[in-house]
Amino acid sequence: MGTVVSIDVRTPLPPPALDAAIETAVAVLHQADEDFSTFRPESWVSRLRRGEVDLADCPEHVREVYRLAGRCRDATGGWFDPAWRRDGTLDPTGLVKGWAADAASAALIEAGAPDHCVNAAGDLRIRGAAGPSAEGSSAEGSGSGKPWRIGIVDPFDRGGLVAVVEGTDLAVATSGIAERGSHVVDPSTGVPASGLASVTVVGSDLTVADAYATAALAAGSDTGDLLAEFTRAGWAWLTVTTTGRIRAGKAFPGQLAAGRQQLGMPAL
């Protein structure tokens, strides 16, 4: 997928069990790369785009990713669209990273490591607790221990933060233009996204959060109605405009950086 994924396991496990759990999650990630990478000519996505196979020929998990992409297209009014390349082919790249991290997280739970964070280049799936609470251990992964603290990077200062999200079972997806340039486009025009420097979406499903963050970034200055719909659907969000203005939904599970709050930038 042309990116880096990190895995942080906090469940206390014997070293052999810990190694086995991480190896299982890494295998899931490598399989996702083999199946969905546009950089691999033999991947299912590449073969589909060349017309060598039909979607019906693909494994069920590949078909499911394409179904999810279609649902996200409908839910965002087309701002997320697997047909974004505008060449007649479908490419679900905008949500595959989140899907892969979700799948790796599920593999860790199955392997007995319920307290963990999977970070796919800024799209994070956090589960369980970051550490034991004052009262005792979080080894059972109940989420009753110390919450994870996830920093949202300032798109204009990679060493700074615009907010910190806290939780024990969350999906946090951020899409931005500062680090990789204008890699997200308006699907209807093919014009690079503008108006927003970054979008963070928080909820319970990283696949959908990844797609929604991509959609909101593509919508740019027209994102108001889309963000309102996210709020009604139970999703939290935070945006940073290209002029540095920060906005956050009322349900955003964290705090804006103190310096930003002092500038009078609204949390809506």
C-alpha atoms as a PDB file:
ATOM      1  CA  MET A   1       0.000   0.000   0.000  1.00  0.00           C
ATOM      2  CA  GLY A   2       3.045   2.249  -0.177  1.00  0.00           C
ATOM      3  CA  THR A   3       2.935   3.115   3.512  1.00  0.00           C
ATOM      4  CA  VAL A   4       4.078   2.053   6.987  1.00  0.00           C
ATOM      5  CA  VAL A   5       1.955   0.330   9.643  1.00  0.00           C
ATOM      6  CA  SER A   6       2.918   0.121  13.320  1.00  0.00           C
ATOM      7  CA  ILE A   7       1.452  -2.205  15.937  1.00  0.00           C
ATOM      8  CA  ASP A   8       1.492  -1.420  19.667  1.00  0.00           C
ATOM      9  CA  VAL A   9       0.245  -4.231  21.928  1.00  0.00           C
ATOM     10  CA  ARG A  10      -0.368  -3.469  25.605  1.00  0.00           C
ATOM     11  CA  THR A  11      -1.944  -6.778  26.666  1.00  0.00           C
ATOM     12  CA  PRO A  12       0.541  -8.519  29.003  1.00  0.00           C
ATOM     13  CA  LEU A  13       1.527 -11.678  27.119  1.00  0.00           C
ATOM     14  CA  PRO A  14       4.472 -14.083  27.281  1.00  0.00           C
ATOM     15  CA  PRO A  15       6.986 -13.161  24.532  1.00  0.00           C
ATOM     16  CA  PRO A  16       6.173 -16.189  22.325  1.00  0.00           C
ATOM     17  CA  ALA A  17       2.433 -15.385  22.432  1.00  0.00           C
ATOM     18  CA  LEU A  18       3.100 -11.720  21.743  1.00  0.00           C
ATOM     19  CA  ASP A  19       5.331 -12.544  18.764  1.00  0.00           C
ATOM     20  CA  ALA A  20       2.716 -14.938  17.397  1.00  0.00           C
ATOM     21  CA  ALA A  21      -0.070 -12.355  17.720  1.00  0.00           C
ATOM     22  CA  ILE A  22       1.934  -9.679  15.910  1.00  0.00           C
ATOM     23  CA  GLU A  23       3.031 -12.113  13.199  1.00  0.00           C
ATOM     24  CA  THR A  24      -0.614 -12.987  12.574  1.00  0.00           C
ATOM     25  CA  ALA A  25      -1.577  -9.310  12.226  1.00  0.00           C
ATOM     26  CA  VAL A  26       1.391  -8.609   9.946  1.00  0.00           C
ATOM     27  CA  ALA A  27       0.381 -11.528   7.722  1.00  0.00           C
ATOM     28  CA  VAL A  28      -3.090  -9.977   7.390  1.00  0.00           C
ATOM     29  CA  LEU A  29      -1.529  -6.662   6.343  1.00  0.00           C
ATOM     30  CA  HIS A  30       0.741  -8.292   3.775  1.00  0.00           C
ATOM     31  CA  GLN A  31      -2.221 -10.169   2.323  1.00  0.00           C
ATOM     32  CA  ALA A  32      -4.162  -6.914   2.043  1.00  0.00           C
ATOM     33  CA  ASP A  33      -1.221  -5.373   0.213  1.00  0.00           C
ATOM     34  CA  GLU A  34      -1.062  -8.314  -2.188  1.00  0.00           C
ATOM     35  CA  ASP A  35      -4.791  -8.136  -2.872  1.00  0.00           C
ATOM     36  CA  PHE A  36      -5.390  -4.377  -3.103  1.00  0.00           C
ATOM     37  CA  SER A  37      -2.133  -2.583  -3.902  1.00  0.00           C
ATOM     38  CA  THR A  38      -2.227  -0.541  -7.110  1.00  0.00           C
ATOM     39  CA  PHE A  39       1.579  -0.795  -7.123  1.00  0.00           C
ATOM     40  CA  ARG A  40       1.402  -4.566  -7.657  1.00  0.00           C
ATOM     41  CA  PRO A  41       0.418  -5.608 -11.194  1.00  0.00           C
ATOM     42  CA  GLU A  42      -0.750  -9.006  -9.931  1.00  0.00           C
ATOM     43  CA  SER A  43      -3.121  -7.636  -7.247  1.00  0.00           C
ATOM     44  CA  TRP A  44      -6.857  -8.139  -7.633  1.00  0.00           C
ATOM     45  CA  VAL A  45      -7.357  -4.371  -7.951  1.00  0.00           C
ATOM     46  CA  SER A  46      -4.795  -4.106 -10.748  1.00  0.00           C
ATOM     47  CA  ARG A  47      -6.240  -7.100 -12.600  1.00  0.00           C
ATOM     48  CA  LEU A  48      -9.762  -5.721 -12.229  1.00  0.00           C
ATOM     49  CA  ARG A  49      -8.701  -2.333 -13.586  1.00  0.00           C
ATOM     50  CA  ARG A  50      -7.082  -4.002 -16.605  1.00  0.00           C
ATOM     51  CA  GLY A  51     -10.251  -6.003 -17.237  1.00  0.00           C
ATOM     52  CA  GLU A  52      -8.510  -9.373 -16.820  1.00  0.00           C
ATOM     53  CA  VAL A  53     -11.029 -10.544 -14.209  1.00  0.00           C
ATOM     54  CA  ASP A  54     -14.528  -9.601 -13.107  1.00  0.00           C
ATOM     55  CA  LEU A  55     -15.490  -8.766  -9.534  1.00  0.00           C
ATOM     56  CA  ALA A  56     -17.382 -12.065  -9.392  1.00  0.00           C
ATOM     57  CA  ASP A  57     -14.056 -13.857  -9.927  1.00  0.00           C
ATOM     58  CA  CYS A  58     -12.507 -12.264  -6.828  1.00  0.00           C
ATOM     59  CA  PRO A  59     -12.414 -13.680  -3.281  1.00  0.00           C
ATOM     60  CA  GLU A  60     -15.269 -12.703  -0.975  1.00  0.00           C
ATOM     61  CA  HIS A  61     -13.204 -10.219   1.056  1.00  0.00           C
ATOM     62  CA  VAL A  62     -12.270  -8.347  -2.129  1.00  0.00           C
ATOM     63  CA  ARG A  63     -15.906  -8.202  -3.205  1.00  0.00           C
ATOM     64  CA  GLU A  64     -16.840  -6.967   0.279  1.00  0.00           C
ATOM     65  CA  VAL A  65     -14.349  -4.074   0.051  1.00  0.00           C
ATOM     66  CA  TYR A  66     -15.888  -3.003  -3.246  1.00  0.00           C
ATOM     67  CA  ARG A  67     -19.377  -3.236  -1.723  1.00  0.00           C
ATOM     68  CA  LEU A  68     -18.233  -1.054   1.177  1.00  0.00           C
ATOM     69  CA  ALA A  69     -16.796   1.448  -1.281  1.00  0.00           C
ATOM     70  CA  GLY A  70     -20.152   1.628  -3.031  1.00  0.00           C
ATOM     71  CA  ARG A  71     -21.990   2.171   0.247  1.00  0.00           C
ATOM     72  CA  CYS A  72     -19.604   4.954   1.242  1.00  0.00           C
ATOM     73  CA  ARG A  73     -20.098   6.568  -2.160  1.00  0.00           C
ATOM     74  CA  ASP A  74     -23.850   6.601  -1.579  1.00  0.00           C
ATOM     75  CA  ALA A  75     -23.526   7.805   2.039  1.00  0.00           C
ATOM     76  CA  THR A  76     -21.296  10.734   1.034  1.00  0.00           C
ATOM     77  CA  GLY A  77     -23.270  11.811  -2.005  1.00  0.00           C
ATOM     78  CA  GLY A  78     -20.381  10.823  -4.266  1.00  0.00           C
ATOM     79  CA  TRP A  79     -17.614  12.742  -2.472  1.00  0.00           C
ATOM     80  CA  PHE A  80     -16.043   9.354  -1.839  1.00  0.00           C
ATOM     81  CA  ASP A  81     -16.116   7.437  -5.108  1.00  0.00           C
ATOM     82  CA  PRO A  82     -14.163   4.310  -6.144  1.00  0.00           C
ATOM     83  CA  ALA A  83     -14.463   5.668  -9.709  1.00  0.00           C
ATOM     84  CA  TRP A  84     -12.378   8.700  -8.724  1.00  0.00           C
ATOM     85  CA  ARG A  85      -9.787   8.011 -11.445  1.00  0.00           C
ATOM     86  CA  ARG A  86     -12.436   8.904 -14.060  1.00  0.00           C
ATOM     87  CA  ASP A  87     -11.076   6.325 -16.527  1.00  0.00           C
ATOM     88  CA  GLY A  88     -13.926   3.832 -16.241  1.00  0.00           C
ATOM     89  CA  THR A  89     -12.199   1.716 -13.592  1.00  0.00           C
ATOM     90  CA  LEU A  90     -12.881   1.280  -9.874  1.00  0.00           C
ATOM     91  CA  ASP A  91     -10.196   1.771  -7.228  1.00  0.00           C
ATOM     92  CA  PRO A  92     -11.149   1.522  -3.514  1.00  0.00           C
ATOM     93  CA  THR A  93      -7.810   2.949  -2.384  1.00  0.00           C
ATOM     94  CA  GLY A  94      -9.529   5.611  -0.260  1.00  0.00           C
ATOM     95  CA  LEU A  95     -10.697   3.055   2.308  1.00  0.00           C
ATOM     96  CA  VAL A  96      -8.430   0.034   1.911  1.00  0.00           C
ATOM     97  CA  LYS A  97      -5.870   1.289   4.421  1.00  0.00           C
ATOM     98  CA  GLY A  98      -8.562   1.565   7.085  1.00  0.00           C
ATOM     99  CA  TRP A  99      -9.993  -1.824   6.119  1.00  0.00           C
ATOM    100  CA  ALA A 100      -6.568  -3.454   6.421  1.00  0.00           C
ATOM    101  CA  ALA A 101      -5.923  -1.915   9.836  1.00  0.00           C
ATOM    102  CA  ASP A 102      -9.371  -3.061  11.014  1.00  0.00           C
ATOM    103  CA  ALA A 103      -8.585  -6.590   9.788  1.00  0.00           C
ATOM    104  CA  ALA A 104      -5.212  -6.592  11.562  1.00  0.00           C
ATOM    105  CA  SER A 105      -6.924  -5.407  14.758  1.00  0.00           C
ATOM    106  CA  ALA A 106      -9.433  -8.246  14.533  1.00  0.00           C
ATOM    107  CA  ALA A 107      -6.558 -10.709  14.087  1.00  0.00           C
ATOM    108  CA  LEU A 108      -4.875  -9.397  17.250  1.00  0.00           C
ATOM    109  CA  ILE A 109      -8.068  -9.850  19.246  1.00  0.00           C
ATOM    110  CA  GLU A 110      -8.439 -13.394  17.930  1.00  0.00           C
ATOM    111  CA  ALA A 111      -4.822 -14.062  18.913  1.00  0.00           C
ATOM    112  CA  GLY A 112      -5.442 -12.975  22.524  1.00  0.00           C
ATOM    113  CA  ALA A 113      -4.143  -9.393  22.382  1.00  0.00           C
ATOM    114  CA  PRO A 114      -7.257  -7.237  22.933  1.00  0.00           C
ATOM    115  CA  ASP A 115      -5.369  -4.130  24.123  1.00  0.00           C
ATOM    116  CA  HIS A 116      -3.621  -2.620  21.128  1.00  0.00           C
ATOM    117  CA  CYS A 117      -3.254   0.166  18.602  1.00  0.00           C
ATOM    118  CA  VAL A 118      -2.795  -0.422  14.875  1.00  0.00           C
ATOM    119  CA  ASN A 119      -1.524   2.732  13.166  1.00  0.00           C
ATOM    120  CA  ALA A 120      -1.700   2.676   9.364  1.00  0.00           C
ATOM    121  CA  ALA A 121       0.081   5.927   8.510  1.00  0.00           C
ATOM    122  CA  GLY A 122      -2.206   8.043  10.676  1.00  0.00           C
ATOM    123  CA  ASP A 123      -5.347   5.903  10.449  1.00  0.00           C
ATOM    124  CA  LEU A 124      -5.613   4.214  13.832  1.00  0.00           C
ATOM    125  CA  ARG A 125      -7.665   1.411  15.340  1.00  0.00           C
ATOM    126  CA  ILE A 126      -7.394   1.430  19.122  1.00  0.00           C
ATOM    127  CA  ARG A 127      -8.802  -1.372  21.226  1.00  0.00           C
ATOM    128  CA  GLY A 128      -8.947  -2.090  24.932  1.00  0.00           C
ATOM    129  CA  ALA A 129      -6.727  -0.068  27.230  1.00  0.00           C
ATOM    130  CA  ALA A 130      -3.338   1.587  26.905  1.00  0.00           C
ATOM    131  CA  GLY A 131      -2.431   0.351  30.372  1.00  0.00           C
ATOM    132  CA  PRO A 132      -3.872  -0.809  33.681  1.00  0.00           C
ATOM    133  CA  SER A 133      -6.062   1.530  35.660  1.00  0.00           C
ATOM    134  CA  ALA A 134      -5.186   2.562  39.195  1.00  0.00           C
ATOM    135  CA  GLU A 135      -7.485  -0.215  40.452  1.00  0.00           C
ATOM    136  CA  GLY A 136      -5.841  -3.066  38.584  1.00  0.00           C
ATOM    137  CA  SER A 137      -4.925  -4.752  35.332  1.00  0.00           C
ATOM    138  CA  SER A 138      -6.625  -4.386  31.957  1.00  0.00           C
ATOM    139  CA  ALA A 139      -5.462  -7.829  30.842  1.00  0.00           C
ATOM    140  CA  GLU A 140      -8.978  -8.883  29.942  1.00  0.00           C
ATOM    141  CA  GLY A 141      -9.248  -6.078  27.410  1.00  0.00           C
ATOM    142  CA  SER A 142     -12.463  -4.745  28.898  1.00  0.00           C
ATOM    143  CA  GLY A 143     -11.575  -1.167  28.061  1.00  0.00           C
ATOM    144  CA  SER A 144     -11.781  -0.218  31.762  1.00  0.00           C
ATOM    145  CA  GLY A 145      -8.078   0.629  32.043  1.00  0.00           C
ATOM    146  CA  LYS A 146      -6.098   3.675  31.016  1.00  0.00           C
ATOM    147  CA  PRO A 147      -7.442   5.227  27.787  1.00  0.00           C
ATOM    148  CA  TRP A 148      -5.311   5.671  24.705  1.00  0.00           C
ATOM    149  CA  ARG A 149      -4.282   9.241  23.838  1.00  0.00           C
ATOM    150  CA  ILE A 150      -4.020   9.888  20.104  1.00  0.00           C
ATOM    151  CA  GLY A 151      -2.417  13.102  18.881  1.00  0.00           C
ATOM    152  CA  ILE A 152      -3.782  14.735  15.718  1.00  0.00           C
ATOM    153  CA  VAL A 153      -0.819  16.239  13.900  1.00  0.00           C
ATOM    154  CA  ASP A 154      -0.851  19.900  12.875  1.00  0.00           C
ATOM    155  CA  PRO A 155      -0.757  19.852   9.036  1.00  0.00           C
ATOM    156  CA  PHE A 156       1.358  23.031   9.100  1.00  0.00           C
ATOM    157  CA  ASP A 157       3.781  21.867  11.795  1.00  0.00           C
ATOM    158  CA  ARG A 158       4.521  18.153  11.774  1.00  0.00           C
ATOM    159  CA  GLY A 159       6.071  18.482  15.226  1.00  0.00           C
ATOM    160  CA  GLY A 160       2.901  19.949  16.733  1.00  0.00           C
ATOM    161  CA  LEU A 161      -0.641  18.788  17.481  1.00  0.00           C
ATOM    162  CA  VAL A 162      -4.027  20.368  16.852  1.00  0.00           C
ATOM    163  CA  ALA A 163      -5.896  18.018  19.191  1.00  0.00           C
ATOM    164  CA  VAL A 164      -5.664  14.888  21.324  1.00  0.00           C
ATOM    165  CA  VAL A 165      -8.297  12.131  21.140  1.00  0.00           C
ATOM    166  CA  GLU A 166      -8.889   9.866  24.144  1.00  0.00           C
ATOM    167  CA  GLY A 167     -10.643   6.516  24.167  1.00  0.00           C
ATOM    168  CA  THR A 168     -10.443   2.767  24.629  1.00  0.00           C
ATOM    169  CA  ASP A 169     -12.240   1.513  21.521  1.00  0.00           C
ATOM    170  CA  LEU A 170     -12.124   3.956  18.637  1.00  0.00           C
ATOM    171  CA  ALA A 171     -11.286   4.320  14.970  1.00  0.00           C
ATOM    172  CA  VAL A 172      -9.443   7.553  14.125  1.00  0.00           C
ATOM    173  CA  ALA A 173      -8.799   8.416  10.468  1.00  0.00           C
ATOM    174  CA  THR A 174      -7.046  11.539   9.204  1.00  0.00           C
ATOM    175  CA  SER A 175      -6.718  12.634   5.598  1.00  0.00           C
ATOM    176  CA  GLY A 176      -4.620  15.642   4.655  1.00  0.00           C
ATOM    177  CA  ILE A 177      -2.794  17.366   1.825  1.00  0.00           C
ATOM    178  CA  ALA A 178       0.288  18.703   3.602  1.00  0.00           C
ATOM    179  CA  GLU A 179       2.471  15.584   3.800  1.00  0.00           C
ATOM    180  CA  ARG A 180       1.758  13.927   0.447  1.00  0.00           C
ATOM    181  CA  GLY A 181       0.476  16.899  -1.496  1.00  0.00           C
ATOM    182  CA  SER A 182      -2.891  16.938  -3.272  1.00  0.00           C
ATOM    183  CA  HIS A 183      -3.355  13.169  -3.552  1.00  0.00           C
ATOM    184  CA  VAL A 184      -7.130  13.448  -2.976  1.00  0.00           C
ATOM    185  CA  VAL A 185      -9.286  14.806  -5.786  1.00  0.00           C
ATOM    186  CA  ASP A 186     -12.870  15.908  -6.325  1.00  0.00           C
ATOM    187  CA  PRO A 187     -14.278  12.718  -7.923  1.00  0.00           C
ATOM    188  CA  SER A 188     -16.633  14.679 -10.190  1.00  0.00           C
ATOM    189  CA  THR A 189     -13.940  16.894 -11.710  1.00  0.00           C
ATOM    190  CA  GLY A 190     -10.589  15.259 -11.040  1.00  0.00           C
ATOM    191  CA  VAL A 191      -9.374  18.565  -9.572  1.00  0.00           C
ATOM    192  CA  PRO A 192      -7.132  18.222  -6.473  1.00  0.00           C
ATOM    193  CA  ALA A 193      -8.863  18.838  -3.150  1.00  0.00           C
ATOM    194  CA  SER A 194      -8.582  22.355  -1.753  1.00  0.00           C
ATOM    195  CA  GLY A 195     -10.007  24.356   1.125  1.00  0.00           C
ATOM    196  CA  LEU A 196      -9.078  21.901   3.870  1.00  0.00           C
ATOM    197  CA  ALA A 197      -5.573  20.992   5.002  1.00  0.00           C
ATOM    198  CA  SER A 198      -6.730  17.956   6.993  1.00  0.00           C
ATOM    199  CA  VAL A 199      -9.834  16.126   8.168  1.00  0.00           C
ATOM    200  CA  THR A 200     -10.079  13.712  11.097  1.00  0.00           C
ATOM    201  CA  VAL A 201     -13.092  11.414  11.507  1.00  0.00           C
ATOM    202  CA  VAL A 202     -13.656   9.376  14.679  1.00  0.00           C
ATOM    203  CA  GLY A 203     -16.071   6.489  15.156  1.00  0.00           C
ATOM    204  CA  SER A 204     -16.310   2.743  15.596  1.00  0.00           C
ATOM    205  CA  ASP A 205     -15.248   1.485  12.139  1.00  0.00           C
ATOM    206  CA  LEU A 206     -11.904   2.467  10.599  1.00  0.00           C
ATOM    207  CA  THR A 207     -12.884   1.423   7.073  1.00  0.00           C
ATOM    208  CA  VAL A 208     -15.778   3.869   7.028  1.00  0.00           C
ATOM    209  CA  ALA A 209     -13.857   6.548   8.948  1.00  0.00           C
ATOM    210  CA  ASP A 210     -11.080   6.345   6.334  1.00  0.00           C
ATOM    211  CA  ALA A 211     -13.590   6.781   3.513  1.00  0.00           C
ATOM    212  CA  TYR A 212     -15.402   9.632   5.257  1.00  0.00           C
ATOM    213  CA  ALA A 213     -12.150  11.521   5.971  1.00  0.00           C
ATOM    214  CA  THR A 214     -11.244  11.188   2.292  1.00  0.00           C
ATOM    215  CA  ALA A 215     -14.704  12.384   1.258  1.00  0.00           C
ATOM    216  CA  ALA A 216     -14.615  15.434   3.528  1.00  0.00           C
ATOM    217  CA  LEU A 217     -11.152  16.412   2.303  1.00  0.00           C
ATOM    218  CA  ALA A 218     -12.363  16.104  -1.297  1.00  0.00           C
ATOM    219  CA  ALA A 219     -15.400  18.278  -0.514  1.00  0.00           C
ATOM    220  CA  GLY A 220     -13.141  21.011   0.884  1.00  0.00           C
ATOM    221  CA  SER A 221     -14.987  24.286   1.361  1.00  0.00           C
ATOM    222  CA  ASP A 222     -18.254  22.519   0.406  1.00  0.00           C
ATOM    223  CA  THR A 223     -17.965  20.077   3.301  1.00  0.00           C
ATOM    224  CA  GLY A 224     -20.561  21.696   5.602  1.00  0.00           C
ATOM    225  CA  ASP A 225     -23.566  19.550   4.659  1.00  0.00           C
ATOM    226  CA  LEU A 226     -21.433  16.419   4.589  1.00  0.00           C
ATOM    227  CA  LEU A 227     -20.079  17.028   8.099  1.00  0.00           C
ATOM    228  CA  ALA A 228     -23.596  17.729   9.358  1.00  0.00           C
ATOM    229  CA  GLU A 229     -24.660  14.357   7.970  1.00  0.00           C
ATOM    230  CA  PHE A 230     -21.692  12.679   9.678  1.00  0.00           C
ATOM    231  CA  THR A 231     -22.799  14.226  12.972  1.00  0.00           C
ATOM    232  CA  ARG A 232     -26.357  12.962  12.546  1.00  0.00           C
ATOM    233  CA  ALA A 233     -24.982   9.489  11.818  1.00  0.00           C
ATOM    234  CA  GLY A 234     -22.979   9.506  15.058  1.00  0.00           C
ATOM    235  CA  TRP A 235     -19.523  10.302  13.681  1.00  0.00           C
ATOM    236  CA  ALA A 236     -17.192  12.854  15.287  1.00  0.00           C
ATOM    237  CA  TRP A 237     -14.916  15.071  13.210  1.00  0.00           C
ATOM    238  CA  LEU A 238     -12.293  17.789  13.214  1.00  0.00           C
ATOM    239  CA  THR A 239     -11.125  19.898  10.265  1.00  0.00           C
ATOM    240  CA  VAL A 240      -8.214  22.254   9.663  1.00  0.00           C
ATOM    241  CA  THR A 241      -8.627  24.700   6.779  1.00  0.00           C
ATOM    242  CA  THR A 242      -5.822  25.774   4.471  1.00  0.00           C
ATOM    243  CA  THR A 243      -5.736  29.034   6.444  1.00  0.00           C
ATOM    244  CA  GLY A 244      -5.219  27.153   9.732  1.00  0.00           C
ATOM    245  CA  ARG A 245      -8.748  27.514  11.164  1.00  0.00           C
ATOM    246  CA  ILE A 246      -9.880  24.554  13.267  1.00  0.00           C
ATOM    247  CA  ARG A 247     -13.438  23.318  13.635  1.00  0.00           C
ATOM    248  CA  ALA A 248     -14.646  20.288  15.569  1.00  0.00           C
ATOM    249  CA  GLY A 249     -18.019  18.647  16.015  1.00  0.00           C
ATOM    250  CA  LYS A 250     -19.602  18.792  19.454  1.00  0.00           C
ATOM    251  CA  ALA A 251     -19.102  15.058  19.929  1.00  0.00           C
ATOM    252  CA  PHE A 252     -15.377  15.160  19.178  1.00  0.00           C
ATOM    253  CA  PRO A 253     -13.805  12.911  21.883  1.00  0.00           C
ATOM    254  CA  GLY A 254     -10.804  15.037  22.742  1.00  0.00           C
ATOM    255  CA  GLN A 255      -9.425  18.495  23.318  1.00  0.00           C
ATOM    256  CA  LEU A 256      -8.022  21.066  20.936  1.00  0.00           C
ATOM    257  CA  ALA A 257      -4.445  22.127  21.551  1.00  0.00           C
ATOM    258  CA  ALA A 258      -4.358  24.943  24.102  1.00  0.00           C
ATOM    259  CA  GLY A 259      -2.526  27.317  21.780  1.00  0.00           C
ATOM    260  CA  ARG A 260      -5.166  26.872  19.122  1.00  0.00           C
ATOM    261  CA  GLN A 261      -7.987  27.505  21.571  1.00  0.00           C
ATOM    262  CA  GLN A 262      -6.373  30.754  22.662  1.00  0.00           C
ATOM    263  CA  LEU A 263      -6.526  31.945  19.061  1.00  0.00           C
ATOM    264  CA  GLY A 264     -10.308  31.807  19.290  1.00  0.00           C
ATOM    265  CA  MET A 265     -10.717  29.090  16.698  1.00  0.00           C
ATOM    266  CA  PRO A 266     -14.170  27.573  17.231  1.00  0.00           C
ATOM    267  CA  ALA A 267     -15.083  24.061  18.278  1.00  0.00           C
ATOM    268  CA  LEU A 268     -18.526  23.745  16.712  1.00  0.00           C
END
